N, C-alpha and C. Protein backbone atom coordinates (compact mmCIF):
# COMPACT_ATOMS: atom_id res chain seq x y z
N MET A 1 11.68 -23.97 -62.16
CA MET A 1 12.00 -22.64 -61.76
C MET A 1 13.43 -22.28 -62.17
N LYS A 2 13.60 -21.09 -62.74
CA LYS A 2 14.91 -20.66 -63.19
C LYS A 2 15.70 -20.07 -62.04
N PRO A 3 16.97 -20.37 -61.95
CA PRO A 3 17.79 -19.73 -60.92
C PRO A 3 18.00 -18.25 -61.26
N ILE A 4 18.07 -17.44 -60.25
CA ILE A 4 18.27 -16.00 -60.42
C ILE A 4 19.74 -15.70 -60.20
N ASN A 5 20.32 -14.94 -61.10
CA ASN A 5 21.73 -14.59 -60.92
C ASN A 5 21.85 -13.38 -60.00
N ASP A 6 23.04 -13.05 -59.61
CA ASP A 6 23.30 -11.97 -58.67
C ASP A 6 22.86 -10.60 -59.19
N THR A 7 23.03 -10.36 -60.47
CA THR A 7 22.66 -9.07 -61.04
C THR A 7 21.16 -8.86 -60.99
N GLN A 8 20.39 -9.89 -61.32
CA GLN A 8 18.93 -9.78 -61.27
C GLN A 8 18.44 -9.56 -59.83
N LEU A 9 19.04 -10.29 -58.90
CA LEU A 9 18.65 -10.15 -57.49
C LEU A 9 18.98 -8.75 -56.98
N ARG A 10 20.17 -8.26 -57.33
CA ARG A 10 20.59 -6.93 -56.91
C ARG A 10 19.66 -5.87 -57.49
N ASN A 11 19.30 -5.97 -58.74
CA ASN A 11 18.40 -5.00 -59.38
C ASN A 11 17.01 -5.05 -58.74
N ALA A 12 16.53 -6.25 -58.43
CA ALA A 12 15.22 -6.38 -57.81
C ALA A 12 15.22 -5.75 -56.41
N LEU A 13 16.27 -5.99 -55.65
CA LEU A 13 16.35 -5.41 -54.31
C LEU A 13 16.51 -3.90 -54.37
N LEU A 14 17.28 -3.39 -55.31
CA LEU A 14 17.43 -1.94 -55.46
C LEU A 14 16.10 -1.28 -55.84
N GLY A 15 15.35 -1.94 -56.71
CA GLY A 15 14.04 -1.40 -57.10
C GLY A 15 13.06 -1.41 -55.92
N LEU A 16 13.11 -2.49 -55.14
CA LEU A 16 12.24 -2.57 -53.97
C LEU A 16 12.61 -1.52 -52.93
N SER A 17 13.90 -1.34 -52.70
CA SER A 17 14.32 -0.33 -51.71
C SER A 17 14.00 1.08 -52.19
N ALA A 18 14.09 1.34 -53.49
CA ALA A 18 13.73 2.67 -54.01
C ALA A 18 12.24 2.91 -53.85
N ASP A 19 11.43 1.87 -54.07
CA ASP A 19 9.98 2.00 -53.90
C ASP A 19 9.64 2.26 -52.43
N ILE A 20 10.28 1.56 -51.52
CA ILE A 20 10.03 1.76 -50.09
C ILE A 20 10.47 3.16 -49.67
N ALA A 21 11.61 3.61 -50.18
CA ALA A 21 12.12 4.93 -49.80
C ALA A 21 11.21 6.06 -50.29
N THR A 22 10.53 5.87 -51.42
CA THR A 22 9.64 6.94 -51.90
C THR A 22 8.33 6.98 -51.13
N HIS A 23 7.85 5.86 -50.61
CA HIS A 23 6.56 5.82 -49.93
C HIS A 23 6.66 5.88 -48.41
N HIS A 24 7.74 5.46 -47.84
CA HIS A 24 7.87 5.40 -46.38
C HIS A 24 9.13 6.13 -45.94
N GLN A 25 8.92 7.16 -45.14
CA GLN A 25 10.04 7.91 -44.60
C GLN A 25 10.24 7.51 -43.14
N PRO A 26 11.45 7.23 -42.72
CA PRO A 26 11.67 6.91 -41.31
C PRO A 26 11.48 8.16 -40.45
N PRO A 27 11.10 7.99 -39.17
CA PRO A 27 10.94 9.16 -38.31
C PRO A 27 12.29 9.84 -38.07
N PRO A 28 12.28 11.13 -37.79
CA PRO A 28 13.55 11.81 -37.52
C PRO A 28 14.22 11.25 -36.27
N SER A 29 15.52 11.37 -36.22
CA SER A 29 16.27 10.82 -35.10
C SER A 29 15.93 11.52 -33.79
N THR A 30 15.55 12.79 -33.85
CA THR A 30 15.18 13.49 -32.61
C THR A 30 13.91 12.91 -32.00
N THR A 31 12.97 12.49 -32.85
CA THR A 31 11.75 11.86 -32.34
C THR A 31 12.08 10.54 -31.67
N LEU A 32 12.93 9.76 -32.29
CA LEU A 32 13.33 8.48 -31.69
C LEU A 32 14.05 8.71 -30.37
N TRP A 33 14.92 9.71 -30.32
CA TRP A 33 15.66 10.00 -29.09
C TRP A 33 14.70 10.45 -27.99
N LEU A 34 13.73 11.32 -28.34
CA LEU A 34 12.76 11.78 -27.35
C LEU A 34 11.91 10.63 -26.82
N ARG A 35 11.51 9.72 -27.68
CA ARG A 35 10.75 8.55 -27.23
C ARG A 35 11.56 7.71 -26.26
N ALA A 36 12.82 7.47 -26.59
CA ALA A 36 13.67 6.67 -25.71
C ALA A 36 13.90 7.37 -24.37
N GLN A 37 14.10 8.67 -24.39
CA GLN A 37 14.30 9.42 -23.15
C GLN A 37 13.03 9.40 -22.29
N HIS A 38 11.89 9.57 -22.92
CA HIS A 38 10.62 9.56 -22.18
C HIS A 38 10.37 8.19 -21.56
N ARG A 39 10.64 7.14 -22.32
CA ARG A 39 10.45 5.78 -21.82
C ARG A 39 11.38 5.50 -20.65
N ALA A 40 12.63 5.93 -20.75
CA ALA A 40 13.59 5.72 -19.66
C ALA A 40 13.21 6.52 -18.42
N ARG A 41 12.76 7.75 -18.61
CA ARG A 41 12.34 8.59 -17.48
C ARG A 41 11.12 7.99 -16.78
N ARG A 42 10.15 7.51 -17.57
CA ARG A 42 8.95 6.90 -17.00
C ARG A 42 9.30 5.64 -16.22
N ALA A 43 10.22 4.84 -16.73
CA ALA A 43 10.63 3.62 -16.02
C ALA A 43 11.36 3.98 -14.73
N ALA A 44 12.18 5.02 -14.74
CA ALA A 44 12.89 5.42 -13.53
C ALA A 44 11.92 5.95 -12.47
N ILE A 45 10.92 6.69 -12.89
CA ILE A 45 9.93 7.21 -11.94
C ILE A 45 9.13 6.06 -11.34
N GLU A 46 8.77 5.09 -12.14
CA GLU A 46 8.04 3.94 -11.62
C GLU A 46 8.88 3.17 -10.60
N ARG A 47 10.17 3.00 -10.89
CA ARG A 47 11.04 2.30 -9.94
C ARG A 47 11.19 3.09 -8.65
N ALA A 48 11.27 4.41 -8.75
CA ALA A 48 11.44 5.24 -7.56
C ALA A 48 10.15 5.34 -6.76
N ALA A 49 9.00 5.27 -7.41
CA ALA A 49 7.72 5.44 -6.71
C ALA A 49 7.26 4.17 -6.01
N LEU A 50 7.78 3.02 -6.39
CA LEU A 50 7.32 1.77 -5.79
C LEU A 50 7.54 1.72 -4.28
N PRO A 51 8.72 2.05 -3.75
CA PRO A 51 8.87 2.03 -2.28
C PRO A 51 7.96 3.02 -1.58
N LEU A 52 7.70 4.16 -2.22
CA LEU A 52 6.80 5.14 -1.62
C LEU A 52 5.38 4.60 -1.54
N ARG A 53 4.94 3.92 -2.58
CA ARG A 53 3.61 3.32 -2.55
C ARG A 53 3.51 2.24 -1.47
N ILE A 54 4.56 1.46 -1.35
CA ILE A 54 4.56 0.42 -0.32
C ILE A 54 4.48 1.04 1.07
N MET A 55 5.26 2.10 1.30
CA MET A 55 5.22 2.76 2.61
C MET A 55 3.88 3.43 2.86
N HIS A 56 3.24 3.97 1.83
CA HIS A 56 1.90 4.54 2.00
C HIS A 56 0.92 3.46 2.42
N ALA A 57 1.02 2.30 1.79
CA ALA A 57 0.12 1.20 2.15
C ALA A 57 0.36 0.77 3.59
N PHE A 58 1.62 0.68 4.01
CA PHE A 58 1.91 0.32 5.41
C PHE A 58 1.41 1.40 6.37
N GLY A 59 1.51 2.66 6.00
CA GLY A 59 1.00 3.75 6.83
C GLY A 59 -0.51 3.67 6.99
N ILE A 60 -1.20 3.36 5.91
CA ILE A 60 -2.66 3.22 5.99
C ILE A 60 -3.02 2.04 6.88
N LEU A 61 -2.30 0.94 6.73
CA LEU A 61 -2.56 -0.23 7.57
C LEU A 61 -2.32 0.09 9.04
N ALA A 62 -1.24 0.79 9.34
CA ALA A 62 -0.95 1.16 10.73
C ALA A 62 -2.02 2.10 11.28
N ALA A 63 -2.50 3.03 10.46
CA ALA A 63 -3.56 3.94 10.91
C ALA A 63 -4.85 3.19 11.19
N ILE A 64 -5.18 2.24 10.33
CA ILE A 64 -6.40 1.44 10.55
C ILE A 64 -6.29 0.63 11.83
N LEU A 65 -5.14 -0.01 12.04
CA LEU A 65 -4.96 -0.80 13.26
C LEU A 65 -4.99 0.08 14.50
N THR A 66 -4.40 1.25 14.42
CA THR A 66 -4.40 2.17 15.57
C THR A 66 -5.81 2.66 15.85
N ALA A 67 -6.58 2.96 14.80
CA ALA A 67 -7.96 3.40 15.00
C ALA A 67 -8.80 2.27 15.59
N ALA A 68 -8.59 1.06 15.13
CA ALA A 68 -9.33 -0.07 15.69
C ALA A 68 -8.99 -0.28 17.16
N PHE A 69 -7.73 -0.15 17.50
CA PHE A 69 -7.32 -0.28 18.90
C PHE A 69 -7.93 0.84 19.75
N ALA A 70 -7.93 2.07 19.21
CA ALA A 70 -8.51 3.20 19.96
C ALA A 70 -10.01 3.01 20.15
N LEU A 71 -10.70 2.51 19.14
CA LEU A 71 -12.13 2.25 19.29
C LEU A 71 -12.37 1.14 20.32
N HIS A 72 -11.55 0.13 20.30
CA HIS A 72 -11.68 -0.95 21.28
C HIS A 72 -11.45 -0.42 22.69
N GLN A 73 -10.45 0.43 22.85
CA GLN A 73 -10.18 1.01 24.16
C GLN A 73 -11.32 1.92 24.61
N SER A 74 -11.94 2.64 23.68
CA SER A 74 -13.02 3.55 24.05
C SER A 74 -14.27 2.78 24.47
N ARG A 75 -14.49 1.61 23.92
CA ARG A 75 -15.66 0.82 24.30
C ARG A 75 -15.49 0.16 25.66
N THR A 76 -14.26 -0.10 26.04
CA THR A 76 -14.03 -0.72 27.34
C THR A 76 -13.85 0.30 28.44
N ALA A 77 -13.82 1.59 28.11
CA ALA A 77 -13.62 2.63 29.12
C ALA A 77 -14.92 2.84 29.91
N ALA A 78 -14.79 2.99 31.22
CA ALA A 78 -15.96 3.15 32.07
C ALA A 78 -16.26 4.61 32.37
N THR A 79 -15.23 5.43 32.44
CA THR A 79 -15.44 6.84 32.80
C THR A 79 -15.67 7.67 31.55
N PRO A 80 -16.52 8.72 31.64
CA PRO A 80 -16.79 9.54 30.46
C PRO A 80 -15.57 10.29 29.95
N SER A 81 -14.66 10.70 30.81
CA SER A 81 -13.50 11.45 30.35
C SER A 81 -12.59 10.58 29.49
N THR A 82 -12.44 9.33 29.89
CA THR A 82 -11.62 8.41 29.09
C THR A 82 -12.30 8.14 27.76
N PHE A 83 -13.64 8.03 27.80
CA PHE A 83 -14.38 7.79 26.57
C PHE A 83 -14.22 8.96 25.61
N SER A 84 -14.32 10.19 26.12
CA SER A 84 -14.20 11.34 25.23
C SER A 84 -12.78 11.45 24.67
N ALA A 85 -11.78 11.12 25.48
CA ALA A 85 -10.41 11.15 24.97
C ALA A 85 -10.23 10.10 23.88
N SER A 86 -10.79 8.92 24.09
CA SER A 86 -10.68 7.86 23.09
C SER A 86 -11.44 8.24 21.83
N LEU A 87 -12.56 8.94 22.00
CA LEU A 87 -13.31 9.39 20.84
C LEU A 87 -12.51 10.37 20.01
N TRP A 88 -11.84 11.31 20.68
CA TRP A 88 -11.00 12.26 19.95
C TRP A 88 -9.83 11.56 19.27
N ILE A 89 -9.26 10.57 19.95
CA ILE A 89 -8.17 9.81 19.33
C ILE A 89 -8.69 9.07 18.10
N SER A 90 -9.89 8.50 18.22
CA SER A 90 -10.47 7.78 17.09
C SER A 90 -10.72 8.72 15.92
N LEU A 91 -11.23 9.91 16.21
CA LEU A 91 -11.44 10.88 15.14
C LEU A 91 -10.12 11.29 14.49
N ALA A 92 -9.10 11.44 15.30
CA ALA A 92 -7.79 11.78 14.75
C ALA A 92 -7.27 10.65 13.85
N MET A 93 -7.50 9.42 14.26
CA MET A 93 -7.06 8.28 13.45
C MET A 93 -7.84 8.21 12.14
N ILE A 94 -9.12 8.53 12.20
CA ILE A 94 -9.92 8.52 10.96
C ILE A 94 -9.39 9.58 10.00
N LEU A 95 -9.09 10.76 10.54
CA LEU A 95 -8.52 11.80 9.68
C LEU A 95 -7.17 11.37 9.11
N LEU A 96 -6.38 10.69 9.91
CA LEU A 96 -5.09 10.19 9.43
C LEU A 96 -5.28 9.17 8.33
N ILE A 97 -6.27 8.31 8.49
CA ILE A 97 -6.55 7.31 7.46
C ILE A 97 -6.96 7.99 6.16
N VAL A 98 -7.84 8.97 6.26
CA VAL A 98 -8.27 9.69 5.06
C VAL A 98 -7.09 10.40 4.40
N GLY A 99 -6.22 10.98 5.22
CA GLY A 99 -5.03 11.64 4.67
C GLY A 99 -4.10 10.68 3.97
N CYS A 100 -3.87 9.54 4.58
CA CYS A 100 -3.00 8.54 3.95
C CYS A 100 -3.62 8.00 2.66
N ALA A 101 -4.92 7.76 2.70
CA ALA A 101 -5.59 7.24 1.50
C ALA A 101 -5.54 8.25 0.37
N SER A 102 -5.76 9.52 0.69
CA SER A 102 -5.71 10.52 -0.38
C SER A 102 -4.30 10.68 -0.92
N THR A 103 -3.30 10.59 -0.05
CA THR A 103 -1.92 10.66 -0.51
C THR A 103 -1.59 9.50 -1.44
N LEU A 104 -2.07 8.31 -1.07
CA LEU A 104 -1.82 7.14 -1.90
C LEU A 104 -2.50 7.29 -3.25
N LEU A 105 -3.73 7.76 -3.26
CA LEU A 105 -4.44 7.91 -4.53
C LEU A 105 -3.82 9.02 -5.38
N LEU A 106 -3.43 10.11 -4.77
CA LEU A 106 -2.80 11.19 -5.53
C LEU A 106 -1.43 10.77 -6.03
N GLY A 107 -0.73 9.92 -5.28
CA GLY A 107 0.57 9.42 -5.73
C GLY A 107 0.43 8.58 -6.97
N ARG A 108 -0.64 7.83 -7.06
CA ARG A 108 -0.86 7.03 -8.27
C ARG A 108 -1.21 7.91 -9.45
N ARG A 109 -1.94 8.98 -9.22
CA ARG A 109 -2.33 9.87 -10.30
C ARG A 109 -1.17 10.70 -10.81
N SER A 110 -0.16 10.92 -9.99
CA SER A 110 0.94 11.80 -10.39
C SER A 110 2.00 11.10 -11.22
N THR A 111 1.86 9.79 -11.43
CA THR A 111 2.82 9.10 -12.30
C THR A 111 2.58 9.56 -13.73
N PRO A 112 3.63 9.56 -14.55
CA PRO A 112 3.49 10.09 -15.90
C PRO A 112 2.48 9.28 -16.72
N SER A 113 1.73 9.98 -17.54
CA SER A 113 0.76 9.30 -18.41
C SER A 113 1.48 8.79 -19.65
N ALA A 114 0.70 8.17 -20.50
CA ALA A 114 1.28 7.63 -21.72
C ALA A 114 1.86 8.75 -22.59
N SER A 115 2.90 8.43 -23.28
CA SER A 115 3.60 9.41 -24.09
C SER A 115 2.78 9.77 -25.33
N PRO A 116 2.77 11.03 -25.71
CA PRO A 116 2.09 11.38 -26.95
C PRO A 116 2.89 10.91 -28.17
N TYR A 117 4.13 10.50 -27.97
CA TYR A 117 5.00 10.06 -29.07
C TYR A 117 4.86 8.58 -29.36
N ARG A 118 4.03 7.88 -28.62
CA ARG A 118 3.90 6.43 -28.81
C ARG A 118 3.35 6.11 -30.15
């Protein structure tokens, strides 16, 4: 194999770079900047939404436990008035559970979708 001198290597690299430049154009800098901004914004929203999701989950758990306790209390009640009050409390807890669950599901849906610039 023959050694290549600096002039031949330089000419070969210049020809290759000219060929690449004619066939492949880099994206505009504004597109790159928009992609970076979108990625940073999406990451910040995810970091900010995590504690909210955790608190939603704890709220749902507390509502379930409260509803279970209310149902247990209503089954042990002997008088009809106490039973009806416990029934209304149980219904209120079920509505609270549904509200928390819908909030949690809607919170997941409101996170930004994938970027069209990807």
